[in-house]
Protein backbone atom coordinates (compact mmCIF):
# COMPACT_ATOMS: atom_id res chain seq x y z
CA MET A 1 14.91 -10.86 14.56
CA ILE A 2 14.57 -7.05 14.65
CA ARG A 3 15.15 -5.26 17.93
CA ILE A 4 14.93 -1.49 18.39
CA ARG A 5 15.64 0.23 21.68
CA ASP A 6 15.01 3.89 22.55
CA LEU A 7 15.41 5.16 18.98
CA TRP A 8 15.58 8.94 18.47
CA MET A 9 15.77 10.79 15.17
CA THR A 10 15.51 14.53 14.49
CA TYR A 11 15.48 16.58 11.31
CA ALA A 12 16.79 20.10 10.87
CA THR A 13 14.11 22.58 9.75
CA ALA A 14 13.90 26.34 9.38
CA GLN A 15 12.33 26.41 12.84
CA GLY A 16 15.09 24.29 14.34
CA LYS A 17 15.38 20.58 15.05
CA GLU A 18 12.13 18.64 14.85
CA PRO A 19 11.87 15.14 16.37
CA ALA A 20 10.59 12.56 13.89
CA VAL A 21 11.05 9.50 16.13
CA ARG A 22 11.00 9.81 19.91
CA GLY A 23 12.18 6.88 21.98
CA VAL A 24 10.73 4.07 19.86
CA SER A 25 11.33 0.51 21.09
CA LEU A 26 9.98 -2.65 19.47
CA ASP A 27 10.70 -6.32 18.83
CA VAL A 28 9.83 -8.23 15.65
CA ALA A 29 9.94 -12.00 16.11
CA GLU A 30 11.52 -14.25 13.49
CA GLY A 31 9.10 -14.91 10.65
CA ALA A 32 6.58 -12.35 11.91
CA PHE A 33 4.75 -9.70 9.89
CA TYR A 34 4.99 -6.48 11.94
CA THR A 35 3.26 -3.30 10.81
CA LEU A 36 3.91 0.32 11.69
CA LEU A 37 0.61 2.14 11.18
CA GLY A 38 -0.16 5.81 11.46
CA PRO A 39 -0.95 9.08 9.67
CA SER A 40 1.53 10.99 7.54
CA GLY A 41 4.33 12.51 9.59
CA CYS A 42 3.99 10.13 12.55
CA GLY A 43 7.53 8.71 12.17
CA LYS A 44 6.77 5.26 10.77
CA THR A 45 8.78 5.61 7.54
CA THR A 46 11.66 7.27 9.39
CA THR A 47 11.77 4.28 11.75
CA LEU A 48 11.85 1.90 8.77
CA ARG A 49 14.61 3.90 7.07
CA CYS A 50 16.66 3.81 10.27
CA VAL A 51 16.41 0.00 10.27
CA ALA A 52 17.47 -0.02 6.61
CA GLY A 53 20.42 2.26 7.30
CA LEU A 54 19.10 4.99 5.01
CA GLU A 55 18.90 7.36 7.98
CA ARG A 56 21.40 7.69 10.79
CA PRO A 57 19.55 8.09 14.12
CA ASP A 58 20.61 10.44 16.89
CA ALA A 59 20.38 7.81 19.61
CA GLY A 60 19.32 4.26 20.36
CA GLU A 61 20.18 0.74 19.23
CA ILE A 62 19.07 -1.44 16.31
CA THR A 63 19.76 -5.16 16.07
CA ILE A 64 18.98 -7.37 13.04
CA ALA A 65 19.16 -11.07 13.83
CA ASP A 66 22.09 -11.21 16.26
CA ASP A 67 24.01 -8.36 14.62
CA LEU A 68 24.11 -4.91 16.17
CA VAL A 69 23.80 -2.58 13.17
CA PHE A 70 23.50 0.71 15.05
CA SER A 71 24.34 1.88 18.54
CA SER A 72 24.91 5.48 19.53
CA ALA A 73 26.39 4.43 22.87
CA ARG A 74 28.89 1.99 21.34
CA GLY A 75 29.64 3.96 18.19
CA VAL A 76 28.37 1.19 15.88
CA TRP A 77 27.16 1.95 12.37
CA VAL A 78 26.73 -0.76 9.73
CA PRO A 79 26.03 0.59 6.19
CA PRO A 80 22.85 -0.54 4.38
CA TYR A 81 24.63 -2.92 1.99
CA ASP A 82 26.01 -4.94 4.90
CA ARG A 83 22.71 -5.31 6.80
CA LYS A 84 21.41 -8.20 4.64
CA ILE A 85 18.00 -6.63 4.17
CA GLY A 86 15.58 -6.45 1.26
CA MET A 87 13.53 -3.30 0.78
CA VAL A 88 10.56 -2.33 -1.39
CA PHE A 89 10.03 1.40 -1.72
CA GLN A 90 6.72 3.20 -2.17
CA SER A 91 7.79 4.24 -5.68
CA TYR A 92 9.19 0.70 -6.36
CA ALA A 93 12.43 2.36 -7.62
CA ILE A 94 12.41 0.26 -10.78
CA TRP A 95 15.23 1.08 -13.21
CA PRO A 96 13.48 1.97 -16.48
CA HIS A 97 16.55 1.37 -18.68
CA MET A 98 16.84 -2.26 -17.55
CA THR A 99 14.93 -5.40 -18.38
CA VAL A 100 12.95 -7.28 -15.77
CA PHE A 101 15.81 -9.79 -15.44
CA ASP A 102 18.47 -7.10 -14.96
CA ASN A 103 16.38 -5.30 -12.33
CA VAL A 104 16.12 -8.43 -10.24
CA ALA A 105 19.77 -9.42 -10.80
CA PHE A 106 21.13 -6.05 -9.72
CA PRO A 107 21.47 -6.81 -5.96
CA LEU A 108 23.47 -9.95 -6.73
CA ARG A 109 26.25 -7.87 -8.26
CA TYR A 110 27.13 -6.63 -4.77
CA LYS A 111 26.42 -9.76 -2.75
CA LYS A 112 29.35 -11.22 -0.83
CA PRO A 113 30.43 -13.75 -1.94
CA LYS A 114 29.30 -12.90 -5.44
CA PRO A 115 27.41 -15.80 -7.06
CA SER A 116 28.54 -17.25 -10.38
CA ARG A 117 26.71 -16.20 -13.53
CA ALA A 118 24.84 -19.52 -13.68
CA GLU A 119 23.88 -19.35 -10.01
CA ALA A 120 22.76 -15.73 -10.38
CA ARG A 121 20.54 -16.64 -13.32
CA ASP A 122 19.00 -19.52 -11.39
CA ARG A 123 18.26 -17.30 -8.43
CA VAL A 124 16.76 -14.54 -10.58
CA MET A 125 14.51 -16.99 -12.39
CA ALA A 126 13.45 -18.55 -9.09
CA ALA A 127 12.57 -15.10 -7.69
CA LEU A 128 10.58 -14.24 -10.82
CA ALA A 129 8.70 -17.54 -10.59
CA LEU A 130 7.93 -16.81 -6.96
CA VAL A 131 6.14 -13.57 -7.87
CA ARG A 132 4.61 -15.03 -11.05
CA LEU A 133 6.74 -13.03 -13.47
CA ASP A 134 8.51 -15.97 -15.12
CA GLY A 135 8.30 -15.45 -18.86
CA PHE A 136 8.70 -11.67 -18.47
CA GLU A 137 12.45 -11.67 -17.85
CA ASN A 138 13.34 -10.05 -21.21
CA ARG A 139 10.64 -7.38 -21.10
CA PRO A 140 11.67 -3.76 -20.49
CA ALA A 141 10.61 -2.86 -16.96
CA PRO A 142 8.47 0.18 -17.95
CA TYR A 143 6.28 -2.13 -20.04
CA LEU A 144 4.94 -3.86 -16.94
CA SER A 145 1.62 -2.99 -15.33
CA GLY A 146 1.47 -1.41 -11.88
CA GLY A 147 0.85 -4.75 -10.18
CA GLN A 148 3.65 -6.39 -12.14
CA GLN A 149 6.06 -3.60 -11.19
CA GLN A 150 5.13 -4.10 -7.55
CA ARG A 151 5.92 -7.81 -7.85
CA LEU A 152 9.15 -7.00 -9.69
CA ALA A 153 10.26 -4.79 -6.80
CA LEU A 154 9.43 -7.61 -4.40
CA ALA A 155 11.43 -10.15 -6.45
CA ARG A 156 14.42 -7.81 -6.44
CA ALA A 157 14.15 -7.46 -2.65
CA LEU A 158 14.00 -11.25 -2.16
CA VAL A 159 16.61 -12.46 -4.66
CA ALA A 160 19.55 -11.91 -2.30
CA GLU A 161 17.81 -13.96 0.43
CA PRO A 162 17.61 -11.15 3.00
CA ARG A 163 17.26 -11.78 6.71
CA VAL A 164 14.45 -9.24 6.90
CA LEU A 165 12.10 -7.62 4.40
CA LEU A 166 11.29 -3.91 4.73
CA LEU A 167 8.17 -2.63 2.95
CA ASP A 168 7.47 1.11 2.69
CA GLU A 169 3.82 1.45 1.58
CA PRO A 170 4.43 -0.76 -1.47
CA LEU A 171 0.73 -0.95 -2.43
CA SER A 172 -0.09 2.75 -2.36
CA ASN A 173 0.30 3.26 -6.13
CA LEU A 174 -2.15 0.51 -7.09
CA ASP A 175 -5.83 0.90 -7.90
CA ALA A 176 -8.35 -0.32 -5.31
CA LYS A 177 -9.11 -3.77 -6.77
CA LEU A 178 -5.48 -4.59 -7.56
CA ARG A 179 -4.45 -3.35 -4.14
CA GLU A 180 -6.87 -5.78 -2.53
CA ASP A 181 -5.53 -8.66 -4.62
CA MET A 182 -1.91 -7.77 -3.86
CA ARG A 183 -2.60 -7.65 -0.12
CA LEU A 184 -3.53 -11.30 -0.25
CA GLU A 185 -0.64 -12.22 -2.54
CA LEU A 186 1.95 -10.42 -0.47
CA ARG A 187 0.76 -11.87 2.81
CA ASP A 188 0.65 -15.38 1.35
CA MET A 189 4.15 -15.02 -0.07
CA VAL A 190 5.63 -13.79 3.20
CA GLU A 191 3.99 -16.66 5.07
CA ARG A 192 5.36 -19.24 2.62
CA LEU A 193 8.89 -17.81 2.79
CA ARG A 194 8.75 -17.20 6.55
CA VAL A 195 10.71 -14.02 6.03
CA THR A 196 10.63 -11.52 8.88
CA THR A 197 8.80 -8.44 7.61
CA LEU A 198 8.55 -4.85 8.82
CA PHE A 199 5.75 -3.09 6.94
CA VAL A 200 4.81 0.60 6.90
CA THR A 201 1.35 1.82 5.92
CA HIS A 202 -1.28 4.44 6.68
CA GLU A 203 -4.06 2.14 5.45
CA GLN A 204 -5.96 0.53 8.33
CA ILE A 205 -7.31 -2.32 6.19
CA GLU A 206 -3.80 -3.33 5.16
CA ALA A 207 -2.64 -3.37 8.76
CA LEU A 208 -5.63 -5.38 9.99
CA THR A 209 -5.62 -7.97 7.21
CA MET A 210 -1.88 -8.57 6.78
CA SER A 211 -0.24 -8.26 10.18
CA ASP A 212 0.66 -10.48 13.10
CA THR A 213 1.35 -7.38 15.19
CA VAL A 214 0.35 -3.75 14.63
CA ALA A 215 2.06 -0.77 16.23
CA VAL A 216 0.08 2.47 15.96
CA MET A 217 2.28 5.56 15.83
CA LYS A 218 1.52 9.20 16.56
CA ASP A 219 3.91 12.14 16.81
CA GLY A 220 6.99 9.92 16.69
CA VAL A 221 5.98 7.43 19.38
CA ILE A 222 4.19 4.07 19.49
CA VAL A 223 0.91 4.67 21.30
CA GLN A 224 -0.37 1.07 21.16
CA GLU A 225 0.96 -2.29 20.05
CA GLY A 226 -0.93 -5.56 19.73
CA SER A 227 -2.69 -8.01 17.48
CA PRO A 228 -5.06 -6.61 14.82
CA ALA A 229 -8.05 -7.84 16.84
CA ALA A 230 -6.81 -6.15 20.01
CA ILE A 231 -5.99 -2.88 18.25
CA TYR A 232 -9.45 -2.75 16.65
CA GLY A 233 -11.51 -4.17 19.52
CA GLN A 234 -9.66 -2.77 22.52
CA PRO A 235 -8.12 0.60 21.57
CA ALA A 236 -6.20 2.19 24.43
CA GLN A 237 -7.01 5.77 23.55
CA ALA A 238 -9.39 7.82 21.42
CA PHE A 239 -6.79 8.43 18.70
CA VAL A 240 -6.36 4.70 18.12
CA ALA A 241 -10.12 4.03 18.14
CA ASP A 242 -10.75 6.82 15.65
CA PHE A 243 -7.81 5.99 13.37
CA ILE A 244 -8.50 2.26 13.14
CA GLY A 245 -11.74 1.99 11.19
CA LYS A 246 -14.86 3.99 11.99
CA THR A 247 -16.19 4.59 15.46
CA ASN A 248 -18.37 6.86 17.59
CA LEU A 249 -16.67 8.83 20.37
CA LEU A 250 -18.59 10.29 23.29
CA ARG A 251 -17.02 12.28 26.12
CA GLY A 252 -18.40 11.93 29.62
CA HIS A 253 -17.68 11.44 33.31
CA VAL A 254 -18.31 8.58 35.70
CA ALA A 255 -21.50 9.18 37.68
CA ALA A 256 -21.62 5.81 39.46
CA LEU A 257 -19.72 2.53 39.70
CA GLY A 258 -21.06 -1.00 40.04
CA ALA A 259 -20.20 -4.64 39.47
CA SER A 260 -21.37 -7.30 37.06
CA GLU A 261 -20.63 -10.98 36.49
CA THR A 262 -17.84 -10.03 34.10
CA GLY A 263 -16.27 -7.15 36.04
CA MET A 264 -16.74 -3.51 36.91
CA VAL A 265 -19.25 -1.30 35.10
CA ALA A 266 -19.84 2.43 35.23
CA ASP A 267 -22.74 4.75 34.53
CA VAL A 268 -21.21 7.51 32.42
CA ALA A 269 -22.97 10.84 31.91
CA THR A 270 -22.63 11.84 28.25
CA SER A 271 -24.19 14.37 25.90
CA ILE A 272 -26.77 11.76 24.80
CA GLY A 273 -27.66 10.61 28.31
CA MET A 274 -26.45 8.09 30.85
CA LEU A 275 -24.64 5.13 29.29
CA ARG A 276 -23.40 2.01 31.03
CA CYS A 277 -20.05 0.54 29.99
CA ARG A 278 -17.34 -1.76 31.24
CA VAL A 279 -14.40 -0.13 33.00
CA ASP A 280 -11.15 -1.21 34.63
CA ALA A 281 -10.51 -1.49 38.35
CA ALA A 282 -8.66 1.83 38.46
CA THR A 283 -11.76 3.81 37.51
CA ARG A 284 -13.20 6.17 40.12
CA GLU A 285 -16.38 8.23 40.35
CA GLY A 286 -15.91 11.60 38.70
CA ASP A 287 -13.26 10.36 36.25
CA ASP A 288 -13.42 11.88 32.77
CA LEU A 289 -13.72 9.19 30.11
CA THR A 290 -14.27 8.83 26.39
CA LEU A 291 -16.61 6.09 25.25
CA THR A 292 -16.17 4.40 21.88
CA VAL A 293 -18.67 2.14 20.16
CA ARG A 294 -18.27 0.84 16.61
CA PRO A 295 -21.06 1.51 14.06
CA GLU A 296 -21.53 -2.21 13.38
CA HIS A 297 -22.30 -2.86 17.06
CA ILE A 298 -25.24 -0.44 17.32
CA ALA A 299 -28.70 -1.95 16.82
CA LEU A 300 -31.38 0.20 15.18
CA SER A 301 -35.13 -0.18 15.42
CA THR A 302 -37.90 1.81 13.74
CA ASP A 303 -40.72 0.34 15.87
CA GLY A 304 -39.61 1.72 19.22
CA ARG A 305 -38.27 -1.65 20.45
CA ALA A 306 -34.50 -1.52 20.08
CA ASP A 307 -33.02 -4.87 21.04
CA ASP A 308 -30.60 -4.42 23.92
CA ALA A 309 -29.91 -7.66 25.72
CA ASP A 310 -28.19 -5.80 28.55
CA GLY A 311 -31.32 -3.86 29.44
CA GLY A 312 -29.90 -0.37 29.00
CA ASN A 313 -28.12 2.08 26.72
CA THR A 314 -31.18 2.71 24.57
CA VAL A 315 -31.50 6.18 23.03
CA ALA A 316 -33.89 7.85 20.60
CA GLY A 317 -32.74 9.58 17.44
CA ARG A 318 -33.63 10.64 13.93
CA VAL A 319 -32.00 9.34 10.75
CA GLU A 320 -30.19 12.17 8.96
CA THR A 321 -28.53 10.28 6.11
CA VAL A 322 -28.62 6.80 4.60
CA ILE A 323 -25.77 5.80 2.28
CA TYR A 324 -25.83 2.55 0.28
CA LEU A 325 -22.35 0.99 0.12
CA GLY A 326 -23.23 -2.31 -1.51
CA ASN A 327 -22.45 -4.66 1.36
CA LEU A 328 -24.02 -2.41 3.99
CA LEU A 329 -26.03 0.72 4.73
CA GLU A 330 -24.23 3.47 6.60
CA CYS A 331 -26.57 5.77 8.50
CA ALA A 332 -25.99 8.96 10.43
CA VAL A 333 -28.46 9.27 13.30
CA ALA A 334 -28.91 12.50 15.25
CA VAL A 335 -29.13 11.81 18.98
CA GLY A 336 -29.29 15.04 20.93
CA PRO A 337 -26.27 17.13 19.88
CA GLU A 338 -24.39 14.09 18.54
CA LEU A 339 -24.42 12.37 15.15
CA LEU A 340 -23.90 8.63 15.55
CA ARG A 341 -22.75 6.35 12.75
CA VAL A 342 -24.67 3.10 12.40
CA GLN A 343 -23.97 0.27 9.95
CA LEU A 344 -26.83 -2.00 8.89
CA HIS A 345 -27.49 -4.89 6.53
CA PRO A 346 -28.16 -3.54 3.01
CA SER A 347 -31.71 -4.94 3.11
CA ALA A 348 -32.62 -2.96 6.24
CA ALA A 349 -35.76 -0.85 5.87
CA VAL A 350 -34.69 2.56 7.09
CA ALA A 351 -35.31 5.97 5.54
CA ARG A 352 -34.01 9.47 6.03
CA GLY A 353 -36.08 11.39 8.55
CA ALA A 354 -37.30 8.29 10.38
CA ASP A 355 -37.54 8.33 14.17
CA VAL A 356 -35.56 5.38 15.51
CA GLN A 357 -34.31 3.74 18.68
CA LEU A 358 -30.64 2.83 19.05
CA ALA A 359 -29.24 0.19 21.40
CA LEU A 360 -25.57 0.47 22.38
CA PRO A 361 -24.65 -2.90 24.00
CA ILE A 362 -22.67 -2.59 27.20
CA GLU A 363 -20.07 -5.15 26.07
CA HIS A 364 -19.28 -2.99 23.03
CA CYS A 365 -19.12 0.34 24.87
CA LEU A 366 -15.44 0.73 25.68
CA ALA A 367 -14.25 3.39 28.12
CA MET A 368 -10.92 5.13 27.58
CA ARG A 369 -9.15 7.78 29.59
CA HIS A 370 -8.49 11.16 28.00
């Protein structure tokens, strides 16, 4: 439904031209929820705006459905109003001088062919009902709550029955609880409508909970693309592992290679000792690697008997901090020169200053190349 090939976009600055997007290529299947995730300045919003036609790229091709809307090689440029898209901006862009009804009806004024007044009203009311704003049509838009304004912006984007929906961090202005509720609402609505969606966010939780596919961006390029489970559980590089959730990163080098029932393993010399982890077939002795292990996968014991079913990767440390987060305890444990994060059940009996044993299971120690 959305196809981007070798997209380049630069901005003029006082220091010269700066690349915002560098050779981005991606495919969004029909009905899929595809998320561009990354820190500020990584190029995700610029990519979205290029799809919308709000930015004119330097090079590349963009196709929406079967229509080529931009091609530098063929000299094709389709303006935003002819791309049949719906877009929700980070600021919502709600017109304060209009009622809720008039805000939603606005895109229909420019739809070709233009619907009759009766048809337009029916479509507006249907869109308002879809986002649970029926009964609010005569209310001035500024009198809506933040969550209602977000839903109003979504209704306006959907009323013209777009081929694709573009979402530019639409939940960022909501408080934490409302944001969580709207994540579920938005995902449910998109699934029911089966509308192809390209979503931009810097929030990892949003990407993991809402997406079919996540593309992590850094410095204008996509560094990894995959399902939420793959992005979180099998990061391809240290940046992805560190950006998606919390993790522990340990640099080291391969001291020895071996084999197990499930594949190759390596003994990696790190600053906290020798750790065994799974590696790919291309790994060689002496290779520099970075190990990542998530805090929730580390077992902690205060009686000197850390449970490690793999028979290795047990290290001694001292608890430096214990933070109660309601649903879990987050501990920082000093192991040699490193401070490892460990997440425990909130009922765990652990105190600051305690000497502990940590077990880092081999199956959860992932090796990545620098």
